[in-house]
Amino acid sequence: MNELRQFIEKYTSLPTDEWKQISICFEKRVMEKDEIILQEGKVCRHLYFLESGLLHFYINKEGNNITKFFTEAPYFFTSQASFNSQKPANENIQSIEKSIVWQISYRHTNDLYKLKSWTDFARKIIQEVQFFTEEILEELQTETAEFRYKKMLVNEPELLKRIPLKILASYLGIAPQSLSRIRKKLAT
């Protein structure tokens, strides 16, 4: 739980009394590799903190999993639309590797808004996620799969080693064979 506190403190000051109120609301879960955290069609009832591990968010379209993005520890995550509206999710969240997750219920999340530290933290993390989302969307609309792969190779080489080829190809919007060709081309 130290990781959770340290993460929040990167965004805001966290008085001990407020940390105590926050920490009692979180419950630890250990997710095995390939375990589904949220299934499409179910309501997302929790906000999560990923202490360790790697997740992938995807939608299922005509039997094909299409990767939206990844969450790498340490970071907060949820199915934002489902969690905020308490309506069924249109996405799935799955662990790519064994992961440690701390979860807090919708009710407890909202109760914590009476705390200044939680309100400040939530505002800043929502803004950051919005920025990341806009960046991903812009790249999807303006850059090639090869360019995006090269960028990941430069900025996140260790992450690339952890993501299965099929999931990475889906994220880049190409077939696994096309990703293999790009990787081969860049290796020579």
C-alpha atoms as a PDB file:
ATOM      1  CA  MET A   1       0.000   0.000   0.000  1.00  0.00           C
ATOM      2  CA  ASN A   2       3.084   2.254   0.287  1.00  0.00           C
ATOM      3  CA  GLU A   3       3.158   2.448  -3.510  1.00  0.00           C
ATOM      4  CA  LEU A   4      -0.396   3.790  -3.530  1.00  0.00           C
ATOM      5  CA  ARG A   5       0.444   6.520  -1.047  1.00  0.00           C
ATOM      6  CA  GLN A   6       3.632   7.472  -2.893  1.00  0.00           C
ATOM      7  CA  PHE A   7       1.712   7.640  -6.169  1.00  0.00           C
ATOM      8  CA  ILE A   8      -0.939   9.982  -4.761  1.00  0.00           C
ATOM      9  CA  GLU A   9       1.782  12.142  -3.183  1.00  0.00           C
ATOM     10  CA  LYS A  10       3.296  12.755  -6.624  1.00  0.00           C
ATOM     11  CA  TYR A  11       0.167  14.775  -7.389  1.00  0.00           C
ATOM     12  CA  THR A  12      -0.770  16.391  -4.082  1.00  0.00           C
ATOM     13  CA  SER A  13       0.195  16.697  -0.435  1.00  0.00           C
ATOM     14  CA  LEU A  14      -1.367  13.971   1.682  1.00  0.00           C
ATOM     15  CA  PRO A  15      -1.859  14.606   5.396  1.00  0.00           C
ATOM     16  CA  THR A  16      -1.649  11.486   7.561  1.00  0.00           C
ATOM     17  CA  ASP A  17      -5.251  11.747   8.754  1.00  0.00           C
ATOM     18  CA  GLU A  18      -6.521  11.925   5.145  1.00  0.00           C
ATOM     19  CA  TRP A  19      -4.273   9.030   4.109  1.00  0.00           C
ATOM     20  CA  LYS A  20      -5.838   6.909   6.865  1.00  0.00           C
ATOM     21  CA  GLN A  21      -9.318   7.676   5.516  1.00  0.00           C
ATOM     22  CA  ILE A  22      -8.220   6.871   1.957  1.00  0.00           C
ATOM     23  CA  SER A  23      -6.276   3.701   2.748  1.00  0.00           C
ATOM     24  CA  ILE A  24      -9.112   1.947   4.591  1.00  0.00           C
ATOM     25  CA  CYS A  25     -11.276   2.227   1.454  1.00  0.00           C
ATOM     26  CA  PHE A  26      -8.922   0.163  -0.730  1.00  0.00           C
ATOM     27  CA  GLU A  27      -8.905  -3.628  -1.020  1.00  0.00           C
ATOM     28  CA  LYS A  28      -6.008  -5.632  -2.457  1.00  0.00           C
ATOM     29  CA  ARG A  29      -6.454  -8.141  -5.296  1.00  0.00           C
ATOM     30  CA  VAL A  30      -3.876 -10.330  -7.005  1.00  0.00           C
ATOM     31  CA  MET A  31      -4.678 -10.874 -10.683  1.00  0.00           C
ATOM     32  CA  GLU A  32      -3.214 -13.853 -12.475  1.00  0.00           C
ATOM     33  CA  LYS A  33      -1.886 -13.540 -16.025  1.00  0.00           C
ATOM     34  CA  ASP A  34      -4.728 -13.193 -18.574  1.00  0.00           C
ATOM     35  CA  GLU A  35      -7.347 -12.659 -15.861  1.00  0.00           C
ATOM     36  CA  ILE A  36     -10.320 -10.491 -16.784  1.00  0.00           C
ATOM     37  CA  ILE A  37     -10.753  -7.564 -14.409  1.00  0.00           C
ATOM     38  CA  LEU A  38     -13.755  -6.110 -16.216  1.00  0.00           C
ATOM     39  CA  GLN A  39     -15.853  -7.803 -18.860  1.00  0.00           C
ATOM     40  CA  GLU A  40     -17.741  -5.961 -21.562  1.00  0.00           C
ATOM     41  CA  GLY A  41     -21.434  -5.696 -20.672  1.00  0.00           C
ATOM     42  CA  LYS A  42     -20.795  -5.569 -16.905  1.00  0.00           C
ATOM     43  CA  VAL A  43     -20.847  -2.417 -14.825  1.00  0.00           C
ATOM     44  CA  CYS A  44     -17.455  -1.221 -13.596  1.00  0.00           C
ATOM     45  CA  ARG A  45     -17.971  -0.918  -9.849  1.00  0.00           C
ATOM     46  CA  HIS A  46     -14.403   0.068  -8.902  1.00  0.00           C
ATOM     47  CA  LEU A  47     -11.596   2.518  -9.422  1.00  0.00           C
ATOM     48  CA  TYR A  48      -8.269   0.675  -9.349  1.00  0.00           C
ATOM     49  CA  PHE A  49      -4.632   1.312  -8.600  1.00  0.00           C
ATOM     50  CA  LEU A  50      -2.206  -0.972 -10.419  1.00  0.00           C
ATOM     51  CA  GLU A  51       0.681  -1.539  -8.004  1.00  0.00           C
ATOM     52  CA  SER A  52       2.537  -4.002 -10.209  1.00  0.00           C
ATOM     53  CA  GLY A  53       1.908  -5.629 -13.548  1.00  0.00           C
ATOM     54  CA  LEU A  54       0.539  -4.703 -16.937  1.00  0.00           C
ATOM     55  CA  LEU A  55      -3.022  -4.472 -18.267  1.00  0.00           C
ATOM     56  CA  HIS A  56      -4.634  -4.105 -21.602  1.00  0.00           C
ATOM     57  CA  PHE A  57      -7.939  -2.498 -22.454  1.00  0.00           C
ATOM     58  CA  TYR A  58      -9.730  -3.866 -25.492  1.00  0.00           C
ATOM     59  CA  ILE A  59     -13.056  -4.081 -27.239  1.00  0.00           C
ATOM     60  CA  ASN A  60     -14.391  -7.134 -28.991  1.00  0.00           C
ATOM     61  CA  LYS A  61     -15.582  -6.476 -32.521  1.00  0.00           C
ATOM     62  CA  GLU A  62     -16.953  -9.383 -34.526  1.00  0.00           C
ATOM     63  CA  GLY A  63     -14.886 -11.862 -32.520  1.00  0.00           C
ATOM     64  CA  ASN A  64     -11.644  -9.878 -32.769  1.00  0.00           C
ATOM     65  CA  ASN A  65     -10.038  -8.172 -29.788  1.00  0.00           C
ATOM     66  CA  ILE A  66      -9.014  -4.625 -30.627  1.00  0.00           C
ATOM     67  CA  THR A  67      -6.581  -3.125 -28.130  1.00  0.00           C
ATOM     68  CA  LYS A  68      -7.337   0.445 -27.060  1.00  0.00           C
ATOM     69  CA  PHE A  69      -4.363   1.012 -24.756  1.00  0.00           C
ATOM     70  CA  PHE A  70      -2.211  -0.385 -21.950  1.00  0.00           C
ATOM     71  CA  THR A  71      -1.821   0.515 -18.302  1.00  0.00           C
ATOM     72  CA  GLU A  72       1.575  -0.085 -16.759  1.00  0.00           C
ATOM     73  CA  ALA A  73       2.215   0.013 -13.015  1.00  0.00           C
ATOM     74  CA  PRO A  74       2.104   2.165 -11.054  1.00  0.00           C
ATOM     75  CA  TYR A  75      -1.059   3.888 -12.237  1.00  0.00           C
ATOM     76  CA  PHE A  76      -4.786   4.302 -11.628  1.00  0.00           C
ATOM     77  CA  PHE A  77      -7.303   2.848 -14.054  1.00  0.00           C
ATOM     78  CA  THR A  78     -10.984   2.120 -14.566  1.00  0.00           C
ATOM     79  CA  SER A  79     -13.504   1.935 -17.360  1.00  0.00           C
ATOM     80  CA  GLN A  80     -14.220   5.618 -17.030  1.00  0.00           C
ATOM     81  CA  ALA A  81     -17.555   5.777 -18.877  1.00  0.00           C
ATOM     82  CA  SER A  82     -18.936   2.718 -17.105  1.00  0.00           C
ATOM     83  CA  PHE A  83     -17.609   3.703 -13.683  1.00  0.00           C
ATOM     84  CA  ASN A  84     -18.896   7.282 -13.855  1.00  0.00           C
ATOM     85  CA  SER A  85     -22.328   6.365 -15.231  1.00  0.00           C
ATOM     86  CA  GLN A  86     -22.627   2.985 -13.465  1.00  0.00           C
ATOM     87  CA  LYS A  87     -23.811   1.529 -16.794  1.00  0.00           C
ATOM     88  CA  PRO A  88     -22.429  -1.538 -18.620  1.00  0.00           C
ATOM     89  CA  ALA A  89     -18.928  -1.218 -20.060  1.00  0.00           C
ATOM     90  CA  ASN A  90     -18.228  -1.534 -23.771  1.00  0.00           C
ATOM     91  CA  GLU A  91     -14.653  -2.610 -23.095  1.00  0.00           C
ATOM     92  CA  ASN A  92     -12.705  -5.341 -21.350  1.00  0.00           C
ATOM     93  CA  ILE A  93      -9.765  -4.961 -18.985  1.00  0.00           C
ATOM     94  CA  GLN A  94      -7.380  -7.908 -18.759  1.00  0.00           C
ATOM     95  CA  SER A  95      -4.044  -8.537 -17.079  1.00  0.00           C
ATOM     96  CA  ILE A  96      -1.197  -9.302 -19.482  1.00  0.00           C
ATOM     97  CA  GLU A  97       0.919 -10.533 -16.585  1.00  0.00           C
ATOM     98  CA  LYS A  98       0.397 -11.293 -12.916  1.00  0.00           C
ATOM     99  CA  SER A  99      -0.615  -8.001 -11.314  1.00  0.00           C
ATOM    100  CA  ILE A 100      -1.331  -6.507  -7.913  1.00  0.00           C
ATOM    101  CA  VAL A 101      -4.354  -4.243  -7.908  1.00  0.00           C
ATOM    102  CA  TRP A 102      -5.935  -2.124  -5.181  1.00  0.00           C
ATOM    103  CA  GLN A 103      -9.620  -1.418  -5.704  1.00  0.00           C
ATOM    104  CA  ILE A 104     -12.008   1.135  -4.235  1.00  0.00           C
ATOM    105  CA  SER A 105     -15.772   1.074  -4.711  1.00  0.00           C
ATOM    106  CA  TYR A 106     -17.775   3.711  -6.520  1.00  0.00           C
ATOM    107  CA  ARG A 107     -19.422   4.759  -3.251  1.00  0.00           C
ATOM    108  CA  HIS A 108     -16.118   5.054  -1.369  1.00  0.00           C
ATOM    109  CA  THR A 109     -14.552   6.951  -4.267  1.00  0.00           C
ATOM    110  CA  ASN A 110     -17.321   9.527  -4.097  1.00  0.00           C
ATOM    111  CA  ASP A 111     -17.199   9.673  -0.289  1.00  0.00           C
ATOM    112  CA  LEU A 112     -13.505  10.605  -0.465  1.00  0.00           C
ATOM    113  CA  TYR A 113     -14.280  13.780  -2.424  1.00  0.00           C
ATOM    114  CA  LYS A 114     -14.864  15.469   0.938  1.00  0.00           C
ATOM    115  CA  LEU A 115     -11.060  15.304   1.372  1.00  0.00           C
ATOM    116  CA  LYS A 116      -9.025  18.081  -0.237  1.00  0.00           C
ATOM    117  CA  SER A 117      -6.125  15.746  -1.048  1.00  0.00           C
ATOM    118  CA  TRP A 118      -8.389  13.256  -2.842  1.00  0.00           C
ATOM    119  CA  THR A 119     -10.172  16.002  -4.799  1.00  0.00           C
ATOM    120  CA  ASP A 120      -6.847  17.532  -5.882  1.00  0.00           C
ATOM    121  CA  PHE A 121      -5.447  14.124  -6.815  1.00  0.00           C
ATOM    122  CA  ALA A 122      -8.547  13.094  -8.784  1.00  0.00           C
ATOM    123  CA  ARG A 123      -8.630  16.355 -10.740  1.00  0.00           C
ATOM    124  CA  LYS A 124      -4.948  16.079 -11.686  1.00  0.00           C
ATOM    125  CA  ILE A 125      -5.062  12.394 -12.643  1.00  0.00           C
ATOM    126  CA  ILE A 126      -8.203  12.913 -14.765  1.00  0.00           C
ATOM    127  CA  GLN A 127      -6.460  15.761 -16.605  1.00  0.00           C
ATOM    128  CA  GLU A 128      -3.388  13.595 -17.173  1.00  0.00           C
ATOM    129  CA  VAL A 129      -5.445  10.684 -18.508  1.00  0.00           C
ATOM    130  CA  GLN A 130      -7.303  13.069 -20.806  1.00  0.00           C
ATOM    131  CA  PHE A 131      -3.978  14.333 -22.162  1.00  0.00           C
ATOM    132  CA  PHE A 132      -2.727  10.763 -22.785  1.00  0.00           C
ATOM    133  CA  THR A 133      -6.008   9.870 -24.490  1.00  0.00           C
ATOM    134  CA  GLU A 134      -5.843  12.894 -26.780  1.00  0.00           C
ATOM    135  CA  GLU A 135      -2.220  12.089 -27.640  1.00  0.00           C
ATOM    136  CA  ILE A 136      -3.100   8.484 -28.548  1.00  0.00           C
ATOM    137  CA  LEU A 137      -6.083   9.603 -30.638  1.00  0.00           C
ATOM    138  CA  GLU A 138      -4.011  12.172 -32.519  1.00  0.00           C
ATOM    139  CA  GLU A 139      -1.304   9.609 -33.284  1.00  0.00           C
ATOM    140  CA  LEU A 140      -3.890   7.093 -34.472  1.00  0.00           C
ATOM    141  CA  GLN A 141      -5.269   9.687 -36.868  1.00  0.00           C
ATOM    142  CA  THR A 142      -1.995  11.123 -38.139  1.00  0.00           C
ATOM    143  CA  GLU A 143       0.818   8.572 -37.827  1.00  0.00           C
ATOM    144  CA  THR A 144       1.580   5.206 -39.370  1.00  0.00           C
ATOM    145  CA  ALA A 145       1.821   1.993 -37.392  1.00  0.00           C
ATOM    146  CA  GLU A 146       5.544   1.894 -38.151  1.00  0.00           C
ATOM    147  CA  PHE A 147       6.062   5.407 -36.748  1.00  0.00           C
ATOM    148  CA  ARG A 148       4.118   4.564 -33.575  1.00  0.00           C
ATOM    149  CA  TYR A 149       6.066   1.324 -33.129  1.00  0.00           C
ATOM    150  CA  LYS A 150       9.372   3.201 -33.550  1.00  0.00           C
ATOM    151  CA  LYS A 151       8.242   5.750 -30.967  1.00  0.00           C
ATOM    152  CA  MET A 152       7.436   2.949 -28.513  1.00  0.00           C
ATOM    153  CA  LEU A 153      10.793   1.347 -29.288  1.00  0.00           C
ATOM    154  CA  VAL A 154      12.566   4.565 -28.311  1.00  0.00           C
ATOM    155  CA  ASN A 155      10.363   5.626 -25.384  1.00  0.00           C
ATOM    156  CA  GLU A 156       9.210   2.299 -23.938  1.00  0.00           C
ATOM    157  CA  PRO A 157      11.564  -0.508 -25.021  1.00  0.00           C
ATOM    158  CA  GLU A 158      11.049  -2.543 -21.833  1.00  0.00           C
ATOM    159  CA  LEU A 159       7.271  -2.309 -22.165  1.00  0.00           C
ATOM    160  CA  LEU A 160       7.445  -3.675 -25.717  1.00  0.00           C
ATOM    161  CA  LYS A 161       9.178  -6.805 -24.416  1.00  0.00           C
ATOM    162  CA  ARG A 162       6.241  -7.480 -22.081  1.00  0.00           C
ATOM    163  CA  ILE A 163       3.415  -7.150 -24.608  1.00  0.00           C
ATOM    164  CA  PRO A 164       2.503 -10.222 -26.694  1.00  0.00           C
ATOM    165  CA  LEU A 165       2.910  -9.672 -30.447  1.00  0.00           C
ATOM    166  CA  LYS A 166      -0.785 -10.197 -31.234  1.00  0.00           C
ATOM    167  CA  ILE A 167      -1.879  -7.601 -28.634  1.00  0.00           C
ATOM    168  CA  LEU A 168       0.748  -5.098 -29.780  1.00  0.00           C
ATOM    169  CA  ALA A 169      -0.270  -5.531 -33.429  1.00  0.00           C
ATOM    170  CA  SER A 170      -3.895  -4.922 -32.463  1.00  0.00           C
ATOM    171  CA  TYR A 171      -2.913  -1.740 -30.636  1.00  0.00           C
ATOM    172  CA  LEU A 172      -1.035  -0.522 -33.711  1.00  0.00           C
ATOM    173  CA  GLY A 173      -4.020  -1.404 -35.914  1.00  0.00           C
ATOM    174  CA  ILE A 174      -2.173  -3.932 -38.056  1.00  0.00           C
ATOM    175  CA  ALA A 175      -1.969  -7.702 -38.505  1.00  0.00           C
ATOM    176  CA  PRO A 176       0.693  -9.588 -36.515  1.00  0.00           C
ATOM    177  CA  GLN A 177       2.414 -10.444 -39.822  1.00  0.00           C
ATOM    178  CA  SER A 178       2.719  -6.742 -40.653  1.00  0.00           C
ATOM    179  CA  LEU A 179       4.228  -6.050 -37.240  1.00  0.00           C
ATOM    180  CA  SER A 180       6.713  -8.877 -37.812  1.00  0.00           C
ATOM    181  CA  ARG A 181       7.733  -7.247 -41.099  1.00  0.00           C
ATOM    182  CA  ILE A 182       8.189  -3.862 -39.405  1.00  0.00           C
ATOM    183  CA  ARG A 183      10.281  -5.430 -36.646  1.00  0.00           C
ATOM    184  CA  LYS A 184      12.406  -7.303 -39.178  1.00  0.00           C
ATOM    185  CA  LYS A 185      12.920  -4.153 -41.252  1.00  0.00           C
ATOM    186  CA  LEU A 186      14.000  -2.137 -38.209  1.00  0.00           C
ATOM    187  CA  ALA A 187      16.339  -4.896 -37.013  1.00  0.00           C
ATOM    188  CA  THR A 188      18.399  -4.811 -40.234  1.00  0.00           C
END
